[in-house]
Amino acid sequence: MSQTTLADAVGVTFQQIQKYEKGVNRVAASTLIDIAMRLDVRVPALLPSGKSDDPAETEADEAREAVELLLRLNDEGRRVVAVMARSLANDARYKTTRRRREE
């Protein structure tokens, strides 16, 4: 499939697909899912693999696992996880902000 065909299918420009491919721009999870569907592959096939001591790669591995698990959930399960994730993220931001004010 050409970059232009894929770009048209997911609603972005072919230049944006090039940037995704080269790693210049980050890909939103929803766009990544759209790309995987158009290419008829599972999302993990589009993510880097391998273990590393690099914290960034460890985060990528954790994100990959989270995406795989989310894709197994039904709609209600995804809604519950989204609410929980928002709550945890907000709590983490609050603690970070509070900690900075106390320092």
PDB file of N, CA and C in Angstrom:
ATOM      1  N   MET A   1       0.848  -1.170   0.000  1.00  0.00           N
ATOM      2  CA  MET A   1       0.000   0.000   0.000  1.00  0.00           C
ATOM      3  C   MET A   1       0.897   1.238   0.000  1.00  0.00           C
ATOM      4  N   SER A   2       0.554   2.217  -0.795  1.00  0.00           N
ATOM      5  CA  SER A   2       1.366   3.430  -0.856  1.00  0.00           C
ATOM      6  C   SER A   2       1.076   4.321   0.348  1.00  0.00           C
ATOM      7  N   GLN A   3       1.995   5.224   0.621  1.00  0.00           N
ATOM      8  CA  GLN A   3       1.788   6.164   1.717  1.00  0.00           C
ATOM      9  C   GLN A   3       0.568   7.047   1.444  1.00  0.00           C
ATOM     10  N   THR A   4       0.379   7.419   0.198  1.00  0.00           N
ATOM     11  CA  THR A   4      -0.767   8.258  -0.171  1.00  0.00           C
ATOM     12  C   THR A   4      -2.082   7.521   0.077  1.00  0.00           C
ATOM     13  N   THR A   5      -2.143   6.260  -0.323  1.00  0.00           N
ATOM     14  CA  THR A   5      -3.358   5.467  -0.115  1.00  0.00           C
ATOM     15  C   THR A   5      -3.654   5.318   1.375  1.00  0.00           C
ATOM     16  N   LEU A   6      -2.628   5.009   2.160  1.00  0.00           N
ATOM     17  CA  LEU A   6      -2.803   4.869   3.599  1.00  0.00           C
ATOM     18  C   LEU A   6      -3.217   6.198   4.222  1.00  0.00           C
ATOM     19  N   ALA A   7      -2.575   7.273   3.812  1.00  0.00           N
ATOM     20  CA  ALA A   7      -2.906   8.598   4.345  1.00  0.00           C
ATOM     21  C   ALA A   7      -4.365   8.941   4.071  1.00  0.00           C
ATOM     22  N   ASP A   8      -4.813   8.709   2.853  1.00  0.00           N
ATOM     23  CA  ASP A   8      -6.220   8.972   2.507  1.00  0.00           C
ATOM     24  C   ASP A   8      -7.155   8.126   3.369  1.00  0.00           C
ATOM     25  N   ALA A   9      -6.774   6.883   3.607  1.00  0.00           N
ATOM     26  CA  ALA A   9      -7.628   5.966   4.367  1.00  0.00           C
ATOM     27  C   ALA A   9      -7.782   6.387   5.831  1.00  0.00           C
ATOM     28  N   VAL A  10      -6.719   6.973   6.404  1.00  0.00           N
ATOM     29  CA  VAL A  10      -6.793   7.356   7.823  1.00  0.00           C
ATOM     30  C   VAL A  10      -7.018   8.850   8.023  1.00  0.00           C
ATOM     31  N   GLY A  11      -7.094   9.601   6.933  1.00  0.00           N
ATOM     32  CA  GLY A  11      -7.437  11.018   7.033  1.00  0.00           C
ATOM     33  C   GLY A  11      -6.304  11.958   7.401  1.00  0.00           C
ATOM     34  N   VAL A  12      -5.090  11.621   6.967  1.00  0.00           N
ATOM     35  CA  VAL A  12      -3.954  12.526   7.162  1.00  0.00           C
ATOM     36  C   VAL A  12      -3.247  12.691   5.823  1.00  0.00           C
ATOM     37  N   THR A  13      -2.243  13.553   5.775  1.00  0.00           N
ATOM     38  CA  THR A  13      -1.482  13.737   4.533  1.00  0.00           C
ATOM     39  C   THR A  13      -0.412  12.654   4.410  1.00  0.00           C
ATOM     40  N   PHE A  14       0.062  12.432   3.192  1.00  0.00           N
ATOM     41  CA  PHE A  14       1.115  11.429   3.024  1.00  0.00           C
ATOM     42  C   PHE A  14       2.390  11.891   3.709  1.00  0.00           C
ATOM     43  N   GLN A  15       2.579  13.222   3.815  1.00  0.00           N
ATOM     44  CA  GLN A  15       3.758  13.731   4.528  1.00  0.00           C
ATOM     45  C   GLN A  15       3.699  13.332   6.005  1.00  0.00           C
ATOM     46  N   GLN A  16       2.483  13.342   6.567  1.00  0.00           N
ATOM     47  CA  GLN A  16       2.328  12.948   7.966  1.00  0.00           C
ATOM     48  C   GLN A  16       2.660  11.465   8.130  1.00  0.00           C
ATOM     49  N   ILE A  17       2.230  10.641   7.177  1.00  0.00           N
ATOM     50  CA  ILE A  17       2.569   9.208   7.217  1.00  0.00           C
ATOM     51  C   ILE A  17       4.085   9.038   7.172  1.00  0.00           C
ATOM     52  N   GLN A  18       4.760   9.835   6.340  1.00  0.00           N
ATOM     53  CA  GLN A  18       6.222   9.767   6.271  1.00  0.00           C
ATOM     54  C   GLN A  18       6.845  10.114   7.621  1.00  0.00           C
ATOM     55  N   LYS A  19       6.306  11.137   8.271  1.00  0.00           N
ATOM     56  CA  LYS A  19       6.837  11.534   9.571  1.00  0.00           C
ATOM     57  C   LYS A  19       6.608  10.447  10.612  1.00  0.00           C
ATOM     58  N   TYR A  20       5.434   9.799  10.567  1.00  0.00           N
ATOM     59  CA  TYR A  20       5.186   8.678  11.478  1.00  0.00           C
ATOM     60  C   TYR A  20       6.198   7.566  11.231  1.00  0.00           C
ATOM     61  N   GLU A  21       6.397   7.263   9.944  1.00  0.00           N
ATOM     62  CA  GLU A  21       7.286   6.151   9.570  1.00  0.00           C
ATOM     63  C   GLU A  21       8.720   6.403  10.023  1.00  0.00           C
ATOM     64  N   LYS A  22       9.164   7.646   9.921  1.00  0.00           N
ATOM     65  CA  LYS A  22      10.534   7.983  10.305  1.00  0.00           C
ATOM     66  C   LYS A  22      10.683   8.236  11.801  1.00  0.00           C
ATOM     67  N   GLY A  23       9.555   8.319  12.505  1.00  0.00           N
ATOM     68  CA  GLY A  23       9.613   8.583  13.934  1.00  0.00           C
ATOM     69  C   GLY A  23       9.777  10.051  14.266  1.00  0.00           C
ATOM     70  N   VAL A  24       9.542  10.934  13.300  1.00  0.00           N
ATOM     71  CA  VAL A  24       9.668  12.370  13.521  1.00  0.00           C
ATOM     72  C   VAL A  24       8.513  12.875  14.370  1.00  0.00           C
ATOM     73  N   ASN A  25       7.304  12.387  14.112  1.00  0.00           N
ATOM     74  CA  ASN A  25       6.114  12.781  14.865  1.00  0.00           C
ATOM     75  C   ASN A  25       5.547  11.581  15.604  1.00  0.00           C
ATOM     76  N   ARG A  26       4.939  11.864  16.734  1.00  0.00           N
ATOM     77  CA  ARG A  26       4.255  10.807  17.484  1.00  0.00           C
ATOM     78  C   ARG A  26       2.921  10.495  16.814  1.00  0.00           C
ATOM     79  N   VAL A  27       2.467   9.275  17.019  1.00  0.00           N
ATOM     80  CA  VAL A  27       1.197   8.832  16.447  1.00  0.00           C
ATOM     81  C   VAL A  27       0.189   8.694  17.576  1.00  0.00           C
ATOM     82  N   ALA A  28      -0.959   9.341  17.433  1.00  0.00           N
ATOM     83  CA  ALA A  28      -2.024   9.189  18.423  1.00  0.00           C
ATOM     84  C   ALA A  28      -2.493   7.735  18.420  1.00  0.00           C
ATOM     85  N   ALA A  29      -2.921   7.256  19.564  1.00  0.00           N
ATOM     86  CA  ALA A  29      -3.374   5.868  19.671  1.00  0.00           C
ATOM     87  C   ALA A  29      -4.499   5.574  18.691  1.00  0.00           C
ATOM     88  N   SER A  30      -5.429   6.503  18.552  1.00  0.00           N
ATOM     89  CA  SER A  30      -6.549   6.276  17.634  1.00  0.00           C
ATOM     90  C   SER A  30      -6.064   6.174  16.191  1.00  0.00           C
ATOM     91  N   THR A  31      -5.080   6.999  15.827  1.00  0.00           N
ATOM     92  CA  THR A  31      -4.519   6.939  14.469  1.00  0.00           C
ATOM     93  C   THR A  31      -3.755   5.633  14.267  1.00  0.00           C
ATOM     94  N   LEU A  32      -3.028   5.215  15.290  1.00  0.00           N
ATOM     95  CA  LEU A  32      -2.293   3.955  15.204  1.00  0.00           C
ATOM     96  C   LEU A  32      -3.251   2.789  14.988  1.00  0.00           C
ATOM     97  N   ILE A  33      -4.365   2.808  15.691  1.00  0.00           N
ATOM     98  CA  ILE A  33      -5.379   1.757  15.516  1.00  0.00           C
ATOM     99  C   ILE A  33      -5.950   1.803  14.106  1.00  0.00           C
ATOM    100  N   ASP A  34      -6.240   3.021  13.596  1.00  0.00           N
ATOM    101  CA  ASP A  34      -6.742   3.157  12.220  1.00  0.00           C
ATOM    102  C   ASP A  34      -5.740   2.607  11.209  1.00  0.00           C
ATOM    103  N   ILE A  35      -4.471   2.940  11.402  1.00  0.00           N
ATOM    104  CA  ILE A  35      -3.432   2.466  10.483  1.00  0.00           C
ATOM    105  C   ILE A  35      -3.356   0.939  10.516  1.00  0.00           C
ATOM    106  N   ALA A  36      -3.371   0.371  11.705  1.00  0.00           N
ATOM    107  CA  ALA A  36      -3.317  -1.089  11.834  1.00  0.00           C
ATOM    108  C   ALA A  36      -4.501  -1.739  11.131  1.00  0.00           C
ATOM    109  N   MET A  37      -5.685  -1.162  11.314  1.00  0.00           N
ATOM    110  CA  MET A  37      -6.877  -1.719  10.661  1.00  0.00           C
ATOM    111  C   MET A  37      -6.748  -1.654   9.141  1.00  0.00           C
ATOM    112  N   ARG A  38      -6.278  -0.512   8.622  1.00  0.00           N
ATOM    113  CA  ARG A  38      -6.142  -0.358   7.161  1.00  0.00           C
ATOM    114  C   ARG A  38      -5.092  -1.303   6.588  1.00  0.00           C
ATOM    115  N   LEU A  39      -4.053  -1.578   7.382  1.00  0.00           N
ATOM    116  CA  LEU A  39      -2.991  -2.490   6.920  1.00  0.00           C
ATOM    117  C   LEU A  39      -3.309  -3.946   7.236  1.00  0.00           C
ATOM    118  N   ASP A  40      -4.424  -4.165   7.933  1.00  0.00           N
ATOM    119  CA  ASP A  40      -4.854  -5.504   8.317  1.00  0.00           C
ATOM    120  C   ASP A  40      -3.795  -6.222   9.154  1.00  0.00           C
ATOM    121  N   VAL A  41      -3.276  -5.485  10.153  1.00  0.00           N
ATOM    122  CA  VAL A  41      -2.327  -6.055  11.108  1.00  0.00           C
ATOM    123  C   VAL A  41      -2.779  -5.670  12.512  1.00  0.00           C
ATOM    124  N   ARG A  42      -2.250  -6.354  13.508  1.00  0.00           N
ATOM    125  CA  ARG A  42      -2.536  -5.999  14.897  1.00  0.00           C
ATOM    126  C   ARG A  42      -1.654  -4.814  15.278  1.00  0.00           C
ATOM    127  N   VAL A  43      -2.140  -3.977  16.180  1.00  0.00           N
ATOM    128  CA  VAL A  43      -1.405  -2.781  16.601  1.00  0.00           C
ATOM    129  C   VAL A  43       0.020  -3.109  17.061  1.00  0.00           C
ATOM    130  N   PRO A  44       0.230  -4.154  17.858  1.00  0.00           N
ATOM    131  CA  PRO A  44       1.598  -4.436  18.315  1.00  0.00           C
ATOM    132  C   PRO A  44       2.599  -4.638  17.173  1.00  0.00           C
ATOM    133  N   ALA A  45       2.118  -5.043  16.014  1.00  0.00           N
ATOM    134  CA  ALA A  45       3.019  -5.225  14.874  1.00  0.00           C
ATOM    135  C   ALA A  45       3.624  -3.891  14.424  1.00  0.00           C
ATOM    136  N   LEU A  46       2.989  -2.787  14.787  1.00  0.00           N
ATOM    137  CA  LEU A  46       3.473  -1.468  14.385  1.00  0.00           C
ATOM    138  C   LEU A  46       4.343  -0.810  15.447  1.00  0.00           C
ATOM    139  N   LEU A  47       4.454  -1.447  16.597  1.00  0.00           N
ATOM    140  CA  LEU A  47       5.226  -0.881  17.702  1.00  0.00           C
ATOM    141  C   LEU A  47       6.591  -1.533  17.787  1.00  0.00           C
ATOM    142  N   PRO A  48       7.590  -0.786  18.290  1.00  0.00           N
ATOM    143  CA  PRO A  48       8.922  -1.383  18.432  1.00  0.00           C
ATOM    144  C   PRO A  48       8.890  -2.533  19.425  1.00  0.00           C
ATOM    145  N   SER A  49       9.760  -3.495  19.245  1.00  0.00           N
ATOM    146  CA  SER A  49       9.796  -4.634  20.158  1.00  0.00           C
ATOM    147  C   SER A  49      11.193  -4.792  20.731  1.00  0.00           C
ATOM    148  N   GLY A  50      11.300  -5.665  21.715  1.00  0.00           N
ATOM    149  CA  GLY A  50      12.597  -5.931  22.329  1.00  0.00           C
ATOM    150  C   GLY A  50      12.695  -5.307  23.701  1.00  0.00           C
ATOM    151  N   LYS A  51      13.445  -5.942  24.545  1.00  0.00           N
ATOM    152  CA  LYS A  51      13.643  -5.454  25.905  1.00  0.00           C
ATOM    153  C   LYS A  51      14.894  -4.590  25.955  1.00  0.00           C
ATOM    154  N   SER A  52      14.881  -3.614  26.874  1.00  0.00           N
ATOM    155  CA  SER A  52      16.009  -2.712  27.000  1.00  0.00           C
ATOM    156  C   SER A  52      16.058  -2.154  28.412  1.00  0.00           C
ATOM    157  N   ASP A  53      17.216  -1.653  28.792  1.00  0.00           N
ATOM    158  CA  ASP A  53      17.352  -0.956  30.068  1.00  0.00           C
ATOM    159  C   ASP A  53      16.981   0.509  29.923  1.00  0.00           C
ATOM    160  N   ASP A  54      16.763   0.948  28.697  1.00  0.00           N
ATOM    161  CA  ASP A  54      16.392   2.337  28.428  1.00  0.00           C
ATOM    162  C   ASP A  54      14.976   2.592  28.938  1.00  0.00           C
ATOM    163  N   PRO A  55      14.807   3.557  29.858  1.00  0.00           N
ATOM    164  CA  PRO A  55      13.470   3.831  30.403  1.00  0.00           C
ATOM    165  C   PRO A  55      12.436   4.168  29.328  1.00  0.00           C
ATOM    166  N   ALA A  56      12.855   4.852  28.270  1.00  0.00           N
ATOM    167  CA  ALA A  56      11.910   5.202  27.196  1.00  0.00           C
ATOM    168  C   ALA A  56      11.404   3.943  26.506  1.00  0.00           C
ATOM    169  N   GLU A  57      12.285   2.975  26.300  1.00  0.00           N
ATOM    170  CA  GLU A  57      11.862   1.727  25.658  1.00  0.00           C
ATOM    171  C   GLU A  57      10.998   0.897  26.600  1.00  0.00           C
ATOM    172  N   THR A  58      11.304   0.949  27.886  1.00  0.00           N
ATOM    173  CA  THR A  58      10.474   0.246  28.867  1.00  0.00           C
ATOM    174  C   THR A  58       9.069   0.824  28.859  1.00  0.00           C
ATOM    175  N   GLU A  59       8.971   2.156  28.780  1.00  0.00           N
ATOM    176  CA  GLU A  59       7.663   2.799  28.699  1.00  0.00           C
ATOM    177  C   GLU A  59       6.931   2.368  27.433  1.00  0.00           C
ATOM    178  N   ALA A  60       7.662   2.261  26.326  1.00  0.00           N
ATOM    179  CA  ALA A  60       7.044   1.828  25.073  1.00  0.00           C
ATOM    180  C   ALA A  60       6.525   0.403  25.199  1.00  0.00           C
ATOM    181  N   ASP A  61       7.282  -0.468  25.872  1.00  0.00           N
ATOM    182  CA  ASP A  61       6.835  -1.845  26.087  1.00  0.00           C
ATOM    183  C   ASP A  61       5.564  -1.872  26.934  1.00  0.00           C
ATOM    184  N   GLU A  62       5.538  -1.042  27.973  1.00  0.00           N
ATOM    185  CA  GLU A  62       4.351  -0.983  28.828  1.00  0.00           C
ATOM    186  C   GLU A  62       3.152  -0.441  28.061  1.00  0.00           C
ATOM    187  N   ALA A  63       3.400   0.571  27.226  1.00  0.00           N
ATOM    188  CA  ALA A  63       2.311   1.137  26.420  1.00  0.00           C
ATOM    189  C   ALA A  63       1.788   0.102  25.432  1.00  0.00           C
ATOM    190  N   ARG A  64       2.700  -0.657  24.829  1.00  0.00           N
ATOM    191  CA  ARG A  64       2.303  -1.699  23.878  1.00  0.00           C
ATOM    192  C   ARG A  64       1.420  -2.734  24.564  1.00  0.00           C
ATOM    193  N   GLU A  65       1.829  -3.154  25.759  1.00  0.00           N
ATOM    194  CA  GLU A  65       1.040  -4.134  26.499  1.00  0.00           C
ATOM    195  C   GLU A  65      -0.333  -3.562  26.857  1.00  0.00           C
ATOM    196  N   ALA A  66      -0.364  -2.301  27.271  1.00  0.00           N
ATOM    197  CA  ALA A  66      -1.643  -1.669  27.625  1.00  0.00           C
ATOM    198  C   ALA A  66      -2.574  -1.616  26.420  1.00  0.00           C
ATOM    199  N   VAL A  67      -2.031  -1.283  25.250  1.00  0.00           N
ATOM    200  CA  VAL A  67      -2.849  -1.232  24.034  1.00  0.00           C
ATOM    201  C   VAL A  67      -3.384  -2.627  23.710  1.00  0.00           C
ATOM    202  N   GLU A  68      -2.531  -3.632  23.803  1.00  0.00           N
ATOM    203  CA  GLU A  68      -2.972  -5.001  23.521  1.00  0.00           C
ATOM    204  C   GLU A  68      -4.124  -5.407  24.446  1.00  0.00           C
ATOM    205  N   LEU A  69      -3.997  -5.092  25.719  1.00  0.00           N
ATOM    206  CA  LEU A  69      -5.042  -5.447  26.676  1.00  0.00           C
ATOM    207  C   LEU A  69      -6.321  -4.654  26.431  1.00  0.00           C
ATOM    208  N   LEU A  70      -6.179  -3.369  26.125  1.00  0.00           N
ATOM    209  CA  LEU A  70      -7.369  -2.549  25.844  1.00  0.00           C
ATOM    210  C   LEU A  70      -8.141  -3.069  24.638  1.00  0.00           C
ATOM    211  N   LEU A  71      -7.419  -3.538  23.638  1.00  0.00           N
ATOM    212  CA  LEU A  71      -8.079  -4.019  22.432  1.00  0.00           C
ATOM    213  C   LEU A  71      -8.895  -5.288  22.683  1.00  0.00           C
ATOM    214  N   ARG A  72      -8.593  -5.981  23.775  1.00  0.00           N
ATOM    215  CA  ARG A  72      -9.354  -7.188  24.117  1.00  0.00           C
ATOM    216  C   ARG A  72     -10.665  -6.871  24.835  1.00  0.00           C
ATOM    217  N   LEU A  73     -10.797  -5.646  25.348  1.00  0.00           N
ATOM    218  CA  LEU A  73     -11.979  -5.280  26.125  1.00  0.00           C
ATOM    219  C   LEU A  73     -13.163  -4.932  25.236  1.00  0.00           C
ATOM    220  N   ASN A  74     -14.358  -5.103  25.794  1.00  0.00           N
ATOM    221  CA  ASN A  74     -15.550  -4.641  25.087  1.00  0.00           C
ATOM    222  C   ASN A  74     -15.693  -3.136  25.332  1.00  0.00           C
ATOM    223  N   ASP A  75     -16.714  -2.511  24.735  1.00  0.00           N
ATOM    224  CA  ASP A  75     -16.898  -1.061  24.856  1.00  0.00           C
ATOM    225  C   ASP A  75     -17.004  -0.612  26.309  1.00  0.00           C
ATOM    226  N   GLU A  76     -17.790  -1.326  27.093  1.00  0.00           N
ATOM    227  CA  GLU A  76     -17.971  -0.946  28.495  1.00  0.00           C
ATOM    228  C   GLU A  76     -16.649  -1.049  29.252  1.00  0.00           C
ATOM    229  N   GLY A  77     -15.895  -2.094  29.008  1.00  0.00           N
ATOM    230  CA  GLY A  77     -14.592  -2.251  29.653  1.00  0.00           C
ATOM    231  C   GLY A  77     -13.651  -1.111  29.315  1.00  0.00           C
ATOM    232  N   ARG A  78     -13.642  -0.696  28.031  1.00  0.00           N
ATOM    233  CA  ARG A  78     -12.791   0.421  27.625  1.00  0.00           C
ATOM    234  C   ARG A  78     -13.216   1.715  28.313  1.00  0.00           C
ATOM    235  N   ARG A  79     -14.533   1.930  28.455  1.00  0.00           N
ATOM    236  CA  ARG A  79     -15.013   3.136  29.149  1.00  0.00           C
ATOM    237  C   ARG A  79     -14.557   3.137  30.608  1.00  0.00           C
ATOM    238  N   VAL A  80     -14.666   2.003  31.273  1.00  0.00           N
ATOM    239  CA  VAL A  80     -14.256   1.900  32.680  1.00  0.00           C
ATOM    240  C   VAL A  80     -12.764   2.181  32.813  1.00  0.00           C
ATOM    241  N   VAL A  81     -11.955   1.587  31.931  1.00  0.00           N
ATOM    242  CA  VAL A  81     -10.508   1.790  31.988  1.00  0.00           C
ATOM    243  C   VAL A  81     -10.169   3.253  31.709  1.00  0.00           C
ATOM    244  N   ALA A  82     -10.867   3.888  30.773  1.00  0.00           N
ATOM    245  CA  ALA A  82     -10.609   5.294  30.462  1.00  0.00           C
ATOM    246  C   ALA A  82     -10.886   6.185  31.661  1.00  0.00           C
ATOM    247  N   VAL A  83     -11.996   5.933  32.364  1.00  0.00           N
ATOM    248  CA  VAL A  83     -12.323   6.724  33.557  1.00  0.00           C
ATOM    249  C   VAL A  83     -11.244   6.531  34.622  1.00  0.00           C
ATOM    250  N   MET A  84     -10.837   5.286  34.816  1.00  0.00           N
ATOM    251  CA  MET A  84      -9.821   4.984  35.812  1.00  0.00           C
ATOM    252  C   MET A  84      -8.483   5.638  35.434  1.00  0.00           C
ATOM    253  N   ALA A  85      -8.108   5.558  34.174  1.00  0.00           N
ATOM    254  CA  ALA A  85      -6.838   6.144  33.728  1.00  0.00           C
ATOM    255  C   ALA A  85      -6.848   7.665  33.903  1.00  0.00           C
ATOM    256  N   ARG A  86      -7.977   8.306  33.560  1.00  0.00           N
ATOM    257  CA  ARG A  86      -8.081   9.756  33.756  1.00  0.00           C
ATOM    258  C   ARG A  86      -7.920  10.105  35.232  1.00  0.00           C
ATOM    259  N   SER A  87      -8.566   9.346  36.079  1.00  0.00           N
ATOM    260  CA  SER A  87      -8.489   9.598  37.516  1.00  0.00           C
ATOM    261  C   SER A  87      -7.054   9.448  38.019  1.00  0.00           C
ATOM    262  N   LEU A  88      -6.385   8.390  37.613  1.00  0.00           N
ATOM    263  CA  LEU A  88      -5.002   8.174  38.034  1.00  0.00           C
ATOM    264  C   LEU A  88      -4.077   9.269  37.508  1.00  0.00           C
ATOM    265  N   ALA A  89      -4.274   9.672  36.254  1.00  0.00           N
ATOM    266  CA  ALA A  89      -3.440  10.719  35.661  1.00  0.00           C
ATOM    267  C   ALA A  89      -3.660  12.045  36.376  1.00  0.00           C
ATOM    268  N   ASN A  90      -4.902  12.373  36.671  1.00  0.00           N
ATOM    269  CA  ASN A  90      -5.191  13.613  37.392  1.00  0.00           C
ATOM    270  C   ASN A  90      -4.591  13.586  38.783  1.00  0.00           C
ATOM    271  N   ASP A  91      -4.685  12.454  39.453  1.00  0.00           N
ATOM    272  CA  ASP A  91      -4.118  12.312  40.793  1.00  0.00           C
ATOM    273  C   ASP A  91      -2.601  12.470  40.740  1.00  0.00           C
ATOM    274  N   ALA A  92      -1.960  11.890  39.737  1.00  0.00           N
ATOM    275  CA  ALA A  92      -0.507  11.988  39.594  1.00  0.00           C
ATOM    276  C   ALA A  92      -0.087  13.439  39.356  1.00  0.00           C
ATOM    277  N   ARG A  93      -0.847  14.162  38.521  1.00  0.00           N
ATOM    278  CA  ARG A  93      -0.534  15.572  38.277  1.00  0.00           C
ATOM    279  C   ARG A  93      -0.690  16.382  39.557  1.00  0.00           C
ATOM    280  N   TYR A  94      -1.737  16.100  40.337  1.00  0.00           N
ATOM    281  CA  TYR A  94      -1.975  16.817  41.587  1.00  0.00           C
ATOM    282  C   TYR A  94      -0.810  16.595  42.548  1.00  0.00           C
ATOM    283  N   LYS A  95      -0.379  15.356  42.693  1.00  0.00           N
ATOM    284  CA  LYS A  95       0.715  15.047  43.613  1.00  0.00           C
ATOM    285  C   LYS A  95       2.009  15.721  43.175  1.00  0.00           C
ATOM    286  N   THR A  96       2.280  15.730  41.861  1.00  0.00           N
ATOM    287  CA  THR A  96       3.489  16.366  41.346  1.00  0.00           C
ATOM    288  C   THR A  96       3.448  17.861  41.606  1.00  0.00           C
ATOM    289  N   THR A  97       2.315  18.502  41.334  1.00  0.00           N
ATOM    290  CA  THR A  97       2.169  19.939  41.555  1.00  0.00           C
ATOM    291  C   THR A  97       2.303  20.273  43.031  1.00  0.00           C
ATOM    292  N   ARG A  98       1.657  19.485  43.865  1.00  0.00           N
ATOM    293  CA  ARG A  98       1.694  19.708  45.318  1.00  0.00           C
ATOM    294  C   ARG A  98       3.124  19.554  45.837  1.00  0.00           C
ATOM    295  N   ARG A  99       3.826  18.528  45.363  1.00  0.00           N
ATOM    296  CA  ARG A  99       5.205  18.282  45.787  1.00  0.00           C
ATOM    297  C   ARG A  99       6.089  19.470  45.409  1.00  0.00           C
ATOM    298  N   ARG A 100       5.896  20.017  44.200  1.00  0.00           N
ATOM    299  CA  ARG A 100       6.709  21.161  43.762  1.00  0.00           C
ATOM    300  C   ARG A 100       6.449  22.388  44.638  1.00  0.00           C
ATOM    301  N   ARG A 101       5.193  22.597  45.017  1.00  0.00           N
ATOM    302  CA  ARG A 101       4.855  23.752  45.865  1.00  0.00           C
ATOM    303  C   ARG A 101       5.488  23.613  47.233  1.00  0.00           C
ATOM    304  N   GLU A 102       5.593  22.410  47.736  1.00  0.00           N
ATOM    305  CA  GLU A 102       6.149  22.186  49.070  1.00  0.00           C
ATOM    306  C   GLU A 102       7.657  22.346  49.099  1.00  0.00           C
ATOM    307  N   GLU A 103       8.298  22.216  47.935  1.00  0.00           N
ATOM    308  CA  GLU A 103       9.776  22.305  47.898  1.00  0.00           C
ATOM    309  C   GLU A 103      10.280  23.708  47.934  1.00  0.00           C
TER     310      GLU A 103
END
